[in-house]
PDB file of N, CA and C in Angstrom:
ATOM      1  N   LEU A   1     -13.911  20.696   4.317  1.00  0.00           N
ATOM      2  CA  LEU A   1     -12.639  20.489   4.441  1.00  0.00           C
ATOM      3  C   LEU A   1     -12.832  19.065   5.365  1.00  0.00           C
ATOM      4  N   GLN A   2     -13.692  19.387   6.385  1.00  0.00           N
ATOM      5  CA  GLN A   2     -13.483  18.440   7.466  1.00  0.00           C
ATOM      6  C   GLN A   2     -13.862  16.996   6.596  1.00  0.00           C
ATOM      7  N   ASP A   3     -14.872  16.998   5.872  1.00  0.00           N
ATOM      8  CA  ASP A   3     -15.285  15.681   5.082  1.00  0.00           C
ATOM      9  C   ASP A   3     -14.362  15.054   4.266  1.00  0.00           C
ATOM     10  N   ALA A   4     -13.396  16.129   3.316  1.00  0.00           N
ATOM     11  CA  ALA A   4     -12.278  15.586   2.736  1.00  0.00           C
ATOM     12  C   ALA A   4     -11.312  15.092   3.375  1.00  0.00           C
ATOM     13  N   CYS A   5     -11.174  15.772   4.477  1.00  0.00           N
ATOM     14  CA  CYS A   5      -9.992  14.956   5.574  1.00  0.00           C
ATOM     15  C   CYS A   5     -10.360  13.416   6.251  1.00  0.00           C
ATOM     16  N   TRP A   6     -11.909  13.589   6.305  1.00  0.00           N
ATOM     17  CA  TRP A   6     -12.491  11.938   6.530  1.00  0.00           C
ATOM     18  C   TRP A   6     -11.976  11.283   5.440  1.00  0.00           C
ATOM     19  N   ALA A   7     -12.391  11.572   4.441  1.00  0.00           N
ATOM     20  CA  ALA A   7     -12.293  10.733   3.019  1.00  0.00           C
ATOM     21  C   ALA A   7     -10.556  10.270   3.020  1.00  0.00           C
ATOM     22  N   PHE A   8      -9.901  11.306   3.098  1.00  0.00           N
ATOM     23  CA  PHE A   8      -8.264  10.898   3.063  1.00  0.00           C
ATOM     24  C   PHE A   8      -8.096   9.880   4.288  1.00  0.00           C
ATOM     25  N   SER A   9      -8.801   9.673   5.376  1.00  0.00           N
ATOM     26  CA  SER A   9      -8.471   8.959   6.693  1.00  0.00           C
ATOM     27  C   SER A   9      -8.912   7.544   6.307  1.00  0.00           C
ATOM     28  N   TYR A  10     -10.109   7.711   5.443  1.00  0.00           N
ATOM     29  CA  TYR A  10     -10.875   6.096   5.291  1.00  0.00           C
ATOM     30  C   TYR A  10     -10.113   5.483   4.132  1.00  0.00           C
ATOM     31  N   LEU A  11      -9.517   6.421   3.383  1.00  0.00           N
ATOM     32  CA  LEU A  11      -8.743   5.742   2.082  1.00  0.00           C
ATOM     33  C   LEU A  11      -7.247   5.161   2.767  1.00  0.00           C
ATOM     34  N   THR A  12      -6.661   5.849   3.578  1.00  0.00           N
ATOM     35  CA  THR A  12      -5.573   5.458   4.232  1.00  0.00           C
ATOM     36  C   THR A  12      -5.742   4.476   5.453  1.00  0.00           C
ATOM     37  N   ASP A  13      -6.907   4.227   5.629  1.00  0.00           N
ATOM     38  CA  ASP A  13      -7.008   2.829   6.670  1.00  0.00           C
ATOM     39  C   ASP A  13      -7.108   1.296   6.195  1.00  0.00           C
ATOM     40  N   ILE A  14      -5.955   1.114   5.405  1.00  0.00           N
ATOM     41  CA  ILE A  14      -5.737   0.065   4.554  1.00  0.00           C
ATOM     42  C   ILE A  14      -5.500  -1.263   5.884  1.00  0.00           C
ATOM     43  N   ASP A  15      -6.331  -2.090   5.864  1.00  0.00           N
ATOM     44  CA  ASP A  15      -6.110  -3.399   6.786  1.00  0.00           C
ATOM     45  C   ASP A  15      -5.417  -4.648   5.768  1.00  0.00           C
ATOM     46  N   GLY A  16      -4.318  -4.891   6.151  1.00  0.00           N
ATOM     47  CA  GLY A  16      -3.526  -5.823   5.508  1.00  0.00           C
ATOM     48  C   GLY A  16      -4.501  -7.435   5.562  1.00  0.00           C
ATOM     49  N   ASP A  17      -5.183  -7.630   6.277  1.00  0.00           N
ATOM     50  CA  ASP A  17      -5.937  -8.718   6.527  1.00  0.00           C
ATOM     51  C   ASP A  17      -7.168  -8.669   5.235  1.00  0.00           C
ATOM     52  N   ASN A  18      -7.323  -7.637   4.390  1.00  0.00           N
ATOM     53  CA  ASN A  18      -8.213  -7.813   3.533  1.00  0.00           C
ATOM     54  C   ASN A  18      -7.648  -8.115   2.336  1.00  0.00           C
ATOM     55  N   ASN A  19      -6.314  -8.226   2.308  1.00  0.00           N
ATOM     56  CA  ASN A  19      -5.689  -8.682   1.129  1.00  0.00           C
ATOM     57  C   ASN A  19      -5.372  -9.839   0.500  1.00  0.00           C
ATOM     58  N   ASP A  20      -5.625 -10.305  -0.341  1.00  0.00           N
ATOM     59  CA  ASP A  20      -6.232 -12.004  -0.511  1.00  0.00           C
ATOM     60  C   ASP A  20      -4.943 -12.550  -1.006  1.00  0.00           C
ATOM     61  N   ASN A  21      -4.078 -11.918  -1.560  1.00  0.00           N
ATOM     62  CA  ASN A  21      -3.105 -11.980  -2.089  1.00  0.00           C
ATOM     63  C   ASN A  21      -1.537 -12.191  -1.598  1.00  0.00           C
ATOM     64  N   ASN A  22      -1.698 -11.718  -0.144  1.00  0.00           N
ATOM     65  CA  ASN A  22      -0.376 -11.373   0.634  1.00  0.00           C
ATOM     66  C   ASN A  22       0.425 -10.719   0.116  1.00  0.00           C
ATOM     67  N   THR A  23       0.135  -9.844  -0.670  1.00  0.00           N
ATOM     68  CA  THR A  23       1.375  -8.593  -1.324  1.00  0.00           C
ATOM     69  C   THR A  23       0.891  -7.404  -0.577  1.00  0.00           C
ATOM     70  N   SER A  24       1.914  -6.489  -0.768  1.00  0.00           N
ATOM     71  CA  SER A  24       1.562  -5.116  -0.134  1.00  0.00           C
ATOM     72  C   SER A  24       0.578  -4.447  -1.131  1.00  0.00           C
ATOM     73  N   TYR A  25      -0.522  -3.760  -0.464  1.00  0.00           N
ATOM     74  CA  TYR A  25      -1.356  -3.030  -0.997  1.00  0.00           C
ATOM     75  C   TYR A  25      -1.206  -1.296  -0.975  1.00  0.00           C
ATOM     76  N   ASP A  26      -0.565  -0.746  -1.672  1.00  0.00           N
ATOM     77  CA  ASP A  26      -0.361   0.617  -1.341  1.00  0.00           C
ATOM     78  C   ASP A  26      -0.561   1.723  -2.265  1.00  0.00           C
ATOM     79  N   GLY A  27      -1.940   1.199  -3.029  1.00  0.00           N
ATOM     80  CA  GLY A  27      -2.602   2.265  -3.705  1.00  0.00           C
ATOM     81  C   GLY A  27      -2.900   3.676  -3.103  1.00  0.00           C
ATOM     82  N   PRO A  28      -3.827   3.545  -2.048  1.00  0.00           N
ATOM     83  CA  PRO A  28      -4.611   4.910  -1.948  1.00  0.00           C
ATOM     84  C   PRO A  28      -3.295   5.543  -1.038  1.00  0.00           C
ATOM     85  N   ILE A  29      -2.501   5.104  -0.207  1.00  0.00           N
ATOM     86  CA  ILE A  29      -1.431   6.030   0.437  1.00  0.00           C
ATOM     87  C   ILE A  29      -0.387   6.261  -0.702  1.00  0.00           C
ATOM     88  N   HIS A  30       0.073   5.501  -1.629  1.00  0.00           N
ATOM     89  CA  HIS A  30       1.076   5.780  -2.629  1.00  0.00           C
ATOM     90  C   HIS A  30       0.147   7.205  -3.395  1.00  0.00           C
ATOM     91  N   ALA A  31      -0.783   6.848  -3.713  1.00  0.00           N
ATOM     92  CA  ALA A  31      -1.533   8.212  -4.382  1.00  0.00           C
ATOM     93  C   ALA A  31      -1.493   9.280  -3.823  1.00  0.00           C
ATOM     94  N   ILE A  32      -1.633   9.207  -2.355  1.00  0.00           N
ATOM     95  CA  ILE A  32      -1.731  10.808  -1.257  1.00  0.00           C
ATOM     96  C   ILE A  32      -0.632  11.201  -1.275  1.00  0.00           C
ATOM     97  N   ASN A  33       0.562  10.396  -1.400  1.00  0.00           N
ATOM     98  CA  ASN A  33       1.946  10.960  -1.108  1.00  0.00           C
ATOM     99  C   ASN A  33       2.123  11.385  -2.338  1.00  0.00           C
ATOM    100  N   ALA A  34       2.002  10.946  -3.395  1.00  0.00           N
ATOM    101  CA  ALA A  34       2.156  11.177  -4.756  1.00  0.00           C
ATOM    102  C   ALA A  34       1.578  12.541  -5.480  1.00  0.00           C
ATOM    103  N   SER A  35       0.371  12.831  -4.772  1.00  0.00           N
ATOM    104  CA  SER A  35      -0.373  14.016  -5.277  1.00  0.00           C
ATOM    105  C   SER A  35       0.070  15.217  -4.247  1.00  0.00           C
ATOM    106  N   GLY A  36       0.753  15.268  -3.208  1.00  0.00           N
ATOM    107  CA  GLY A  36       1.030  16.212  -2.555  1.00  0.00           C
ATOM    108  C   GLY A  36       0.309  16.565  -1.267  1.00  0.00           C
ATOM    109  N   ALA A  37      -0.923  16.008  -1.112  1.00  0.00           N
ATOM    110  CA  ALA A  37      -1.814  15.851  -0.470  1.00  0.00           C
ATOM    111  C   ALA A  37      -1.399  15.725   1.048  1.00  0.00           C
ATOM    112  N   LEU A  38      -0.489  14.875   1.185  1.00  0.00           N
ATOM    113  CA  LEU A  38      -0.004  14.517   2.552  1.00  0.00           C
ATOM    114  C   LEU A  38       0.573  15.964   3.219  1.00  0.00           C
ATOM    115  N   ALA A  39       1.451  16.605   2.315  1.00  0.00           N
ATOM    116  CA  ALA A  39       1.898  18.125   2.838  1.00  0.00           C
ATOM    117  C   ALA A  39       0.493  18.999   3.237  1.00  0.00           C
ATOM    118  N   ARG A  40      -0.485  18.997   2.772  1.00  0.00           N
ATOM    119  CA  ARG A  40      -1.675  19.619   2.973  1.00  0.00           C
ATOM    120  C   ARG A  40      -2.266  19.195   4.254  1.00  0.00           C
ATOM    121  N   LEU A  41      -2.300  18.043   4.608  1.00  0.00           N
ATOM    122  CA  LEU A  41      -2.857  17.229   5.701  1.00  0.00           C
ATOM    123  C   LEU A  41      -1.827  17.879   6.647  1.00  0.00           C
ATOM    124  N   VAL A  42      -0.657  17.585   6.584  1.00  0.00           N
ATOM    125  CA  VAL A  42       0.215  18.199   7.663  1.00  0.00           C
ATOM    126  C   VAL A  42      -0.079  19.768   7.991  1.00  0.00           C
ATOM    127  N   GLY A  43      -0.408  20.527   7.060  1.00  0.00           N
ATOM    128  CA  GLY A  43      -0.400  21.854   7.127  1.00  0.00           C
ATOM    129  C   GLY A  43      -1.859  22.003   8.092  1.00  0.00           C
ATOM    130  N   LEU A  44      -2.785  21.086   7.753  1.00  0.00           N
ATOM    131  CA  LEU A  44      -4.069  21.054   8.586  1.00  0.00           C
ATOM    132  C   LEU A  44      -3.833  20.972  10.205  1.00  0.00           C
ATOM    133  N   LEU A  45      -2.913  20.325  10.310  1.00  0.00           N
ATOM    134  CA  LEU A  45      -2.904  20.542  12.065  1.00  0.00           C
ATOM    135  C   LEU A  45      -2.907  21.586  12.575  1.00  0.00           C
ATOM    136  N   ASN A  46      -2.566  22.640  11.770  1.00  0.00           N
ATOM    137  CA  ASN A  46      -2.763  23.999  12.513  1.00  0.00           C
ATOM    138  C   ASN A  46      -4.146  24.668  12.124  1.00  0.00           C
ATOM    139  N   HIS A  47      -4.978  24.013  11.799  1.00  0.00           N
ATOM    140  CA  HIS A  47      -6.409  24.612  11.646  1.00  0.00           C
ATOM    141  C   HIS A  47      -6.870  25.002  13.030  1.00  0.00           C
ATOM    142  N   ASP A  48      -7.641  25.887  12.935  1.00  0.00           N
ATOM    143  CA  ASP A  48      -8.555  26.421  14.274  1.00  0.00           C
ATOM    144  C   ASP A  48      -9.606  25.427  14.447  1.00  0.00           C
ATOM    145  N   CYS A  49     -10.058  24.634  13.487  1.00  0.00           N
ATOM    146  CA  CYS A  49     -11.123  23.685  13.841  1.00  0.00           C
ATOM    147  C   CYS A  49     -10.918  22.440  14.407  1.00  0.00           C
ATOM    148  N   PRO A  50     -11.117  21.883  15.499  1.00  0.00           N
ATOM    149  CA  PRO A  50     -10.636  20.659  15.517  1.00  0.00           C
ATOM    150  C   PRO A  50     -11.513  19.515  14.884  1.00  0.00           C
ATOM    151  N   HIS A  51     -12.412  19.914  14.287  1.00  0.00           N
ATOM    152  CA  HIS A  51     -13.061  18.940  13.462  1.00  0.00           C
ATOM    153  C   HIS A  51     -12.339  18.647  12.306  1.00  0.00           C
ATOM    154  N   VAL A  52     -11.565  19.515  11.895  1.00  0.00           N
ATOM    155  CA  VAL A  52     -10.286  19.374  10.574  1.00  0.00           C
ATOM    156  C   VAL A  52      -9.276  19.141  11.187  1.00  0.00           C
ATOM    157  N   ARG A  53      -8.631  19.166  12.051  1.00  0.00           N
ATOM    158  CA  ARG A  53      -7.324  18.877  12.866  1.00  0.00           C
ATOM    159  C   ARG A  53      -7.324  17.285  13.059  1.00  0.00           C
ATOM    160  N   HIS A  54      -9.027  16.609  13.594  1.00  0.00           N
ATOM    161  CA  HIS A  54      -8.715  15.242  14.134  1.00  0.00           C
ATOM    162  C   HIS A  54      -8.737  14.098  12.663  1.00  0.00           C
ATOM    163  N   PRO A  55      -9.372  14.898  11.833  1.00  0.00           N
ATOM    164  CA  PRO A  55      -9.184  13.815  10.723  1.00  0.00           C
ATOM    165  C   PRO A  55      -8.320  13.727  10.129  1.00  0.00           C
ATOM    166  N   ALA A  56      -7.438  15.029   9.929  1.00  0.00           N
ATOM    167  CA  ALA A  56      -6.323  15.194   8.869  1.00  0.00           C
ATOM    168  C   ALA A  56      -5.120  14.509   9.988  1.00  0.00           C
ATOM    169  N   LEU A  57      -4.813  14.626  11.285  1.00  0.00           N
ATOM    170  CA  LEU A  57      -4.100  13.726  12.103  1.00  0.00           C
ATOM    171  C   LEU A  57      -4.424  12.306  12.134  1.00  0.00           C
ATOM    172  N   ARG A  58      -5.429  11.713  12.080  1.00  0.00           N
ATOM    173  CA  ARG A  58      -5.954  10.371  11.661  1.00  0.00           C
ATOM    174  C   ARG A  58      -5.247   9.863  10.555  1.00  0.00           C
ATOM    175  N   SER A  59      -5.446  10.691   9.289  1.00  0.00           N
ATOM    176  CA  SER A  59      -5.209  10.530   8.022  1.00  0.00           C
ATOM    177  C   SER A  59      -3.610  10.313   8.013  1.00  0.00           C
ATOM    178  N   ILE A  60      -2.811  11.014   8.401  1.00  0.00           N
ATOM    179  CA  ILE A  60      -1.422  11.019   8.518  1.00  0.00           C
ATOM    180  C   ILE A  60      -1.132  10.060   9.537  1.00  0.00           C
ATOM    181  N   GLY A  61      -1.350   9.691  10.389  1.00  0.00           N
ATOM    182  CA  GLY A  61      -1.229   8.534  11.308  1.00  0.00           C
ATOM    183  C   GLY A  61      -1.470   7.099  10.791  1.00  0.00           C
ATOM    184  N   ASN A  62      -2.286   7.043   9.774  1.00  0.00           N
ATOM    185  CA  ASN A  62      -2.778   5.998   8.721  1.00  0.00           C
ATOM    186  C   ASN A  62      -1.568   5.839   7.965  1.00  0.00           C
ATOM    187  N   VAL A  63      -1.075   6.854   7.558  1.00  0.00           N
ATOM    188  CA  VAL A  63       0.051   6.803   6.269  1.00  0.00           C
ATOM    189  C   VAL A  63       1.422   6.389   7.144  1.00  0.00           C
ATOM    190  N   VAL A  64       1.696   6.682   8.170  1.00  0.00           N
ATOM    191  CA  VAL A  64       2.821   6.445   8.778  1.00  0.00           C
ATOM    192  C   VAL A  64       2.982   5.162   9.420  1.00  0.00           C
ATOM    193  N   THR A  65       1.658   4.550   9.453  1.00  0.00           N
ATOM    194  CA  THR A  65       2.065   3.163  10.082  1.00  0.00           C
ATOM    195  C   THR A  65       1.726   2.189   8.915  1.00  0.00           C
ATOM    196  N   GLY A  66       1.852   2.695   7.913  1.00  0.00           N
ATOM    197  CA  GLY A  66       2.138   1.690   6.628  1.00  0.00           C
ATOM    198  C   GLY A  66       3.120   0.937   6.475  1.00  0.00           C
ATOM    199  N   ASP A  67       3.474   0.134   5.680  1.00  0.00           N
ATOM    200  CA  ASP A  67       4.356  -0.720   5.483  1.00  0.00           C
ATOM    201  C   ASP A  67       5.663  -0.130   5.157  1.00  0.00           C
ATOM    202  N   GLU A  68       6.966  -0.614   4.978  1.00  0.00           N
ATOM    203  CA  GLU A  68       7.887   0.188   4.550  1.00  0.00           C
ATOM    204  C   GLU A  68       7.931   0.705   2.941  1.00  0.00           C
ATOM    205  N   THR A  69       7.046   0.212   2.034  1.00  0.00           N
ATOM    206  CA  THR A  69       6.914   0.704   0.611  1.00  0.00           C
ATOM    207  C   THR A  69       5.802   1.849   0.799  1.00  0.00           C
ATOM    208  N   GLN A  70       5.226   1.862   1.612  1.00  0.00           N
ATOM    209  CA  GLN A  70       3.959   2.632   1.630  1.00  0.00           C
ATOM    210  C   GLN A  70       4.802   4.071   2.403  1.00  0.00           C
ATOM    211  N   THR A  71       5.474   4.000   3.371  1.00  0.00           N
ATOM    212  CA  THR A  71       6.456   5.199   4.278  1.00  0.00           C
ATOM    213  C   THR A  71       7.444   5.260   3.630  1.00  0.00           C
TER     214      THR A  71
END
Protein backbone atom coordinates (compact mmCIF):
# COMPACT_ATOMS: atom_id res chain seq x y z
CA LEU A 1 0.00 0.00 0.00
CA GLN A 2 2.82 2.36 0.88
CA ASP A 3 4.55 1.72 -2.46
CA ALA A 4 1.31 2.25 -4.36
CA CYS A 5 0.84 5.61 -2.66
CA TRP A 6 4.40 6.59 -3.57
CA ALA A 7 3.71 5.56 -7.18
CA PHE A 8 0.71 7.91 -7.26
CA SER A 9 2.91 10.62 -5.77
CA TYR A 10 5.49 10.23 -8.55
CA LEU A 11 2.81 10.08 -11.24
CA THR A 12 1.22 13.30 -10.04
CA ASP A 13 4.50 15.16 -9.65
CA ILE A 14 4.30 16.83 -13.06
CA ASP A 15 6.75 19.67 -13.67
CA GLY A 16 5.51 22.16 -16.26
CA ASP A 17 9.11 22.86 -17.34
CA ASN A 18 9.31 19.36 -18.81
CA ASN A 19 6.64 20.19 -21.36
CA ASP A 20 8.25 20.99 -24.72
CA ASN A 21 5.26 22.50 -26.51
CA ASN A 22 4.01 24.77 -23.69
CA THR A 23 0.62 23.08 -23.48
CA SER A 24 -0.96 21.65 -20.38
CA TYR A 25 -0.12 18.04 -19.66
CA ASP A 26 -2.81 16.51 -17.51
CA GLY A 27 -2.51 12.80 -18.35
CA PRO A 28 -1.67 11.19 -15.00
CA ILE A 29 -3.65 13.64 -12.87
CA HIS A 30 -6.69 13.29 -15.12
CA ALA A 31 -6.39 9.50 -15.05
CA ILE A 32 -6.20 9.45 -11.25
CA ASN A 33 -9.27 11.69 -10.98
CA ALA A 34 -11.21 9.64 -13.53
CA SER A 35 -10.33 6.31 -11.92
CA GLY A 36 -11.63 7.20 -8.49
CA ALA A 37 -8.19 6.68 -6.96
CA LEU A 38 -8.19 10.21 -5.56
CA ALA A 39 -11.08 9.34 -3.25
CA ARG A 40 -9.12 6.31 -2.02
CA LEU A 41 -6.05 8.47 -1.41
CA VAL A 42 -8.18 10.86 0.65
CA GLY A 43 -9.45 7.90 2.66
CA LEU A 44 -5.90 6.78 3.32
CA LEU A 45 -5.23 10.01 5.21
CA ASN A 46 -6.89 8.21 8.15
CA HIS A 47 -4.63 5.17 7.88
CA ASP A 48 -2.89 4.06 11.08
CA CYS A 49 0.55 3.98 9.48
CA PRO A 50 2.32 7.28 8.78
CA HIS A 51 4.27 5.53 6.01
CA VAL A 52 0.97 5.30 4.11
CA ARG A 53 -0.41 8.71 5.12
CA HIS A 54 2.66 10.63 3.98
CA PRO A 55 2.72 9.57 0.31
CA ALA A 56 -1.10 9.75 0.16
CA LEU A 57 -0.98 13.35 1.34
CA ARG A 58 1.86 14.15 -1.04
CA SER A 59 -0.16 12.72 -3.96
CA ILE A 60 -3.19 14.80 -3.03
CA GLY A 61 -1.00 17.88 -2.70
CA ASN A 62 0.40 17.30 -6.18
CA VAL A 63 -3.10 17.01 -7.62
CA VAL A 64 -4.43 20.18 -6.00
CA THR A 65 -1.44 22.21 -7.18
CA GLY A 66 -2.12 21.29 -10.81
CA ASP A 67 -3.44 23.86 -13.26
CA GLU A 68 -7.13 24.70 -13.65
CA THR A 69 -7.75 21.93 -16.18
CA GLN A 70 -6.24 19.34 -13.84
CA THR A 71 -8.08 20.38 -10.70
